[in-house]
Amino acid sequence: MLLLVRGLAYGGVSASLQGWMITSAQAGTEAASSLMVARFNPVIAAGALLGGLAVDGISAPAAPLSGVALMLLAAAAVWGTSGRLRDGIPN
Protein backbone atom coordinates (compact mmCIF):
# COMPACT_ATOMS: atom_id res chain seq x y z
CA MET A 1 0.00 0.00 0.00
CA LEU A 2 2.83 2.40 0.86
CA LEU A 3 4.53 1.62 -2.43
CA LEU A 4 1.33 2.50 -4.28
CA VAL A 5 1.02 5.80 -2.39
CA ARG A 6 4.66 6.62 -3.09
CA GLY A 7 4.24 5.83 -6.79
CA LEU A 8 1.17 8.02 -7.08
CA ALA A 9 2.84 10.87 -5.20
CA TYR A 10 6.12 10.72 -7.10
CA GLY A 11 4.61 10.02 -10.51
CA GLY A 12 3.74 13.65 -11.08
CA VAL A 13 7.08 15.11 -10.03
CA SER A 14 8.80 15.00 -13.41
CA ALA A 15 5.73 16.25 -15.27
CA SER A 16 5.24 19.08 -12.76
CA LEU A 17 8.89 20.08 -12.94
CA GLN A 18 8.82 20.07 -16.71
CA GLY A 19 5.69 22.21 -16.80
CA TRP A 20 7.23 24.66 -14.35
CA MET A 21 10.45 24.89 -16.36
CA ILE A 22 8.60 25.44 -19.64
CA THR A 23 6.47 28.24 -18.21
CA SER A 24 9.54 29.83 -16.60
CA ALA A 25 11.66 29.71 -19.75
CA GLN A 26 9.11 31.04 -22.21
CA ALA A 27 11.54 31.79 -25.01
CA GLY A 28 13.69 28.68 -24.63
CA THR A 29 11.31 25.78 -24.02
CA GLU A 30 13.44 23.33 -26.01
CA ALA A 31 16.54 24.23 -24.05
CA ALA A 32 14.65 23.97 -20.75
CA SER A 33 13.32 20.53 -21.65
CA SER A 34 16.73 19.24 -22.70
CA LEU A 35 18.35 20.63 -19.54
CA MET A 36 15.76 18.89 -17.40
CA VAL A 37 16.35 15.55 -19.09
CA ALA A 38 20.11 16.07 -18.94
CA ARG A 39 19.90 16.62 -15.15
CA PHE A 40 17.06 14.24 -14.24
CA ASN A 41 18.48 11.04 -15.73
CA PRO A 42 22.00 11.26 -14.22
CA VAL A 43 20.52 12.02 -10.81
CA ILE A 44 18.32 8.91 -11.04
CA ALA A 45 21.38 6.86 -12.04
CA ALA A 46 23.44 8.32 -9.18
CA GLY A 47 20.68 7.47 -6.71
CA ALA A 48 20.60 3.89 -7.96
CA LEU A 49 24.39 3.67 -7.73
CA LEU A 50 24.54 5.08 -4.20
CA GLY A 51 21.67 2.87 -3.08
CA GLY A 52 23.42 -0.19 -4.49
CA LEU A 53 26.68 0.76 -2.82
CA ALA A 54 24.86 1.25 0.50
CA VAL A 55 23.25 -2.19 0.21
CA ASP A 56 26.51 -3.89 -0.80
CA GLY A 57 28.69 -2.06 1.69
CA ILE A 58 26.44 -1.91 4.75
CA SER A 59 23.09 -3.72 4.58
CA ALA A 60 19.73 -3.66 2.84
CA PRO A 61 18.12 -1.22 5.34
CA ALA A 62 21.00 1.22 4.71
CA ALA A 63 19.63 2.18 1.27
CA PRO A 64 16.32 3.71 2.42
CA LEU A 65 17.97 5.16 5.52
CA SER A 66 20.60 6.90 3.41
CA GLY A 67 17.79 8.17 1.17
CA VAL A 68 16.03 9.62 4.20
CA ALA A 69 19.28 11.28 5.33
CA LEU A 70 19.79 12.86 1.90
CA MET A 71 16.17 14.00 1.82
CA LEU A 72 16.56 15.68 5.20
CA LEU A 73 19.75 17.40 4.03
CA ALA A 74 17.96 18.66 0.92
CA ALA A 75 15.01 19.88 2.99
CA ALA A 76 17.39 21.69 5.35
CA ALA A 77 19.13 23.34 2.38
CA VAL A 78 15.82 24.49 0.91
CA TRP A 79 14.58 25.74 4.26
CA GLY A 80 17.86 27.52 4.98
CA THR A 81 17.89 29.39 1.68
CA SER A 82 14.16 30.05 1.27
CA GLY A 83 14.22 33.28 3.26
CA ARG A 84 17.34 34.63 1.58
CA LEU A 85 16.39 34.14 -2.06
CA ARG A 86 13.62 35.93 -3.87
CA ASP A 87 13.06 35.38 -7.59
CA GLY A 88 16.49 33.77 -7.90
CA ILE A 89 18.30 36.92 -6.79
CA PRO A 90 20.07 36.96 -3.39
CA ASN A 91 18.72 39.63 -1.03
C-alpha atoms as a PDB file:
ATOM      1  CA  MET A   1       0.000   0.000   0.000  1.00  0.00           C
ATOM      2  CA  LEU A   2       2.832   2.398   0.863  1.00  0.00           C
ATOM      3  CA  LEU A   3       4.529   1.621  -2.434  1.00  0.00           C
ATOM      4  CA  LEU A   4       1.325   2.501  -4.280  1.00  0.00           C
ATOM      5  CA  VAL A   5       1.023   5.799  -2.387  1.00  0.00           C
ATOM      6  CA  ARG A   6       4.663   6.622  -3.094  1.00  0.00           C
ATOM      7  CA  GLY A   7       4.243   5.832  -6.791  1.00  0.00           C
ATOM      8  CA  LEU A   8       1.169   8.017  -7.078  1.00  0.00           C
ATOM      9  CA  ALA A   9       2.837  10.874  -5.197  1.00  0.00           C
ATOM     10  CA  TYR A  10       6.125  10.717  -7.100  1.00  0.00           C
ATOM     11  CA  GLY A  11       4.605  10.016 -10.508  1.00  0.00           C
ATOM     12  CA  GLY A  12       3.742  13.649 -11.081  1.00  0.00           C
ATOM     13  CA  VAL A  13       7.080  15.113 -10.027  1.00  0.00           C
ATOM     14  CA  SER A  14       8.801  15.000 -13.410  1.00  0.00           C
ATOM     15  CA  ALA A  15       5.726  16.253 -15.268  1.00  0.00           C
ATOM     16  CA  SER A  16       5.239  19.077 -12.756  1.00  0.00           C
ATOM     17  CA  LEU A  17       8.891  20.082 -12.943  1.00  0.00           C
ATOM     18  CA  GLN A  18       8.825  20.072 -16.710  1.00  0.00           C
ATOM     19  CA  GLY A  19       5.688  22.206 -16.799  1.00  0.00           C
ATOM     20  CA  TRP A  20       7.232  24.661 -14.353  1.00  0.00           C
ATOM     21  CA  MET A  21      10.452  24.889 -16.362  1.00  0.00           C
ATOM     22  CA  ILE A  22       8.597  25.436 -19.645  1.00  0.00           C
ATOM     23  CA  THR A  23       6.475  28.238 -18.211  1.00  0.00           C
ATOM     24  CA  SER A  24       9.541  29.826 -16.597  1.00  0.00           C
ATOM     25  CA  ALA A  25      11.659  29.706 -19.755  1.00  0.00           C
ATOM     26  CA  GLN A  26       9.106  31.038 -22.206  1.00  0.00           C
ATOM     27  CA  ALA A  27      11.539  31.790 -25.012  1.00  0.00           C
ATOM     28  CA  GLY A  28      13.693  28.675 -24.630  1.00  0.00           C
ATOM     29  CA  THR A  29      11.315  25.782 -24.018  1.00  0.00           C
ATOM     30  CA  GLU A  30      13.438  23.332 -26.008  1.00  0.00           C
ATOM     31  CA  ALA A  31      16.544  24.228 -24.047  1.00  0.00           C
ATOM     32  CA  ALA A  32      14.650  23.968 -20.748  1.00  0.00           C
ATOM     33  CA  SER A  33      13.322  20.528 -21.654  1.00  0.00           C
ATOM     34  CA  SER A  34      16.729  19.242 -22.696  1.00  0.00           C
ATOM     35  CA  LEU A  35      18.347  20.631 -19.542  1.00  0.00           C
ATOM     36  CA  MET A  36      15.759  18.888 -17.403  1.00  0.00           C
ATOM     37  CA  VAL A  37      16.348  15.553 -19.094  1.00  0.00           C
ATOM     38  CA  ALA A  38      20.107  16.073 -18.935  1.00  0.00           C
ATOM     39  CA  ARG A  39      19.899  16.623 -15.146  1.00  0.00           C
ATOM     40  CA  PHE A  40      17.058  14.243 -14.236  1.00  0.00           C
ATOM     41  CA  ASN A  41      18.478  11.045 -15.731  1.00  0.00           C
ATOM     42  CA  PRO A  42      22.000  11.259 -14.223  1.00  0.00           C
ATOM     43  CA  VAL A  43      20.517  12.019 -10.811  1.00  0.00           C
ATOM     44  CA  ILE A  44      18.316   8.913 -11.038  1.00  0.00           C
ATOM     45  CA  ALA A  45      21.377   6.864 -12.043  1.00  0.00           C
ATOM     46  CA  ALA A  46      23.435   8.323  -9.182  1.00  0.00           C
ATOM     47  CA  GLY A  47      20.676   7.468  -6.710  1.00  0.00           C
ATOM     48  CA  ALA A  48      20.600   3.894  -7.957  1.00  0.00           C
ATOM     49  CA  LEU A  49      24.393   3.674  -7.734  1.00  0.00           C
ATOM     50  CA  LEU A  50      24.542   5.079  -4.200  1.00  0.00           C
ATOM     51  CA  GLY A  51      21.675   2.869  -3.082  1.00  0.00           C
ATOM     52  CA  GLY A  52      23.420  -0.189  -4.492  1.00  0.00           C
ATOM     53  CA  LEU A  53      26.676   0.763  -2.820  1.00  0.00           C
ATOM     54  CA  ALA A  54      24.865   1.252   0.495  1.00  0.00           C
ATOM     55  CA  VAL A  55      23.252  -2.193   0.210  1.00  0.00           C
ATOM     56  CA  ASP A  56      26.507  -3.886  -0.803  1.00  0.00           C
ATOM     57  CA  GLY A  57      28.689  -2.060   1.686  1.00  0.00           C
ATOM     58  CA  ILE A  58      26.444  -1.906   4.754  1.00  0.00           C
ATOM     59  CA  SER A  59      23.091  -3.723   4.581  1.00  0.00           C
ATOM     60  CA  ALA A  60      19.733  -3.663   2.844  1.00  0.00           C
ATOM     61  CA  PRO A  61      18.123  -1.224   5.343  1.00  0.00           C
ATOM     62  CA  ALA A  62      21.000   1.216   4.707  1.00  0.00           C
ATOM     63  CA  ALA A  63      19.627   2.184   1.273  1.00  0.00           C
ATOM     64  CA  PRO A  64      16.323   3.707   2.420  1.00  0.00           C
ATOM     65  CA  LEU A  65      17.969   5.157   5.516  1.00  0.00           C
ATOM     66  CA  SER A  66      20.601   6.901   3.412  1.00  0.00           C
ATOM     67  CA  GLY A  67      17.794   8.168   1.168  1.00  0.00           C
ATOM     68  CA  VAL A  68      16.034   9.620   4.199  1.00  0.00           C
ATOM     69  CA  ALA A  69      19.280  11.275   5.326  1.00  0.00           C
ATOM     70  CA  LEU A  70      19.788  12.862   1.897  1.00  0.00           C
ATOM     71  CA  MET A  71      16.166  13.999   1.816  1.00  0.00           C
ATOM     72  CA  LEU A  72      16.564  15.677   5.204  1.00  0.00           C
ATOM     73  CA  LEU A  73      19.750  17.402   4.027  1.00  0.00           C
ATOM     74  CA  ALA A  74      17.963  18.665   0.922  1.00  0.00           C
ATOM     75  CA  ALA A  75      15.008  19.882   2.994  1.00  0.00           C
ATOM     76  CA  ALA A  76      17.392  21.690   5.347  1.00  0.00           C
ATOM     77  CA  ALA A  77      19.132  23.341   2.376  1.00  0.00           C
ATOM     78  CA  VAL A  78      15.818  24.486   0.907  1.00  0.00           C
ATOM     79  CA  TRP A  79      14.583  25.745   4.264  1.00  0.00           C
ATOM     80  CA  GLY A  80      17.859  27.518   4.984  1.00  0.00           C
ATOM     81  CA  THR A  81      17.885  29.386   1.682  1.00  0.00           C
ATOM     82  CA  SER A  82      14.158  30.049   1.273  1.00  0.00           C
ATOM     83  CA  GLY A  83      14.218  33.280   3.262  1.00  0.00           C
ATOM     84  CA  ARG A  84      17.337  34.628   1.578  1.00  0.00           C
ATOM     85  CA  LEU A  85      16.387  34.143  -2.056  1.00  0.00           C
ATOM     86  CA  ARG A  86      13.624  35.929  -3.872  1.00  0.00           C
ATOM     87  CA  ASP A  87      13.060  35.378  -7.591  1.00  0.00           C
ATOM     88  CA  GLY A  88      16.486  33.767  -7.905  1.00  0.00           C
ATOM     89  CA  ILE A  89      18.297  36.920  -6.790  1.00  0.00           C
ATOM     90  CA  PRO A  90      20.068  36.964  -3.393  1.00  0.00           C
ATOM     91  CA  ASN A  91      18.723  39.625  -1.032  1.00  0.00           C
END
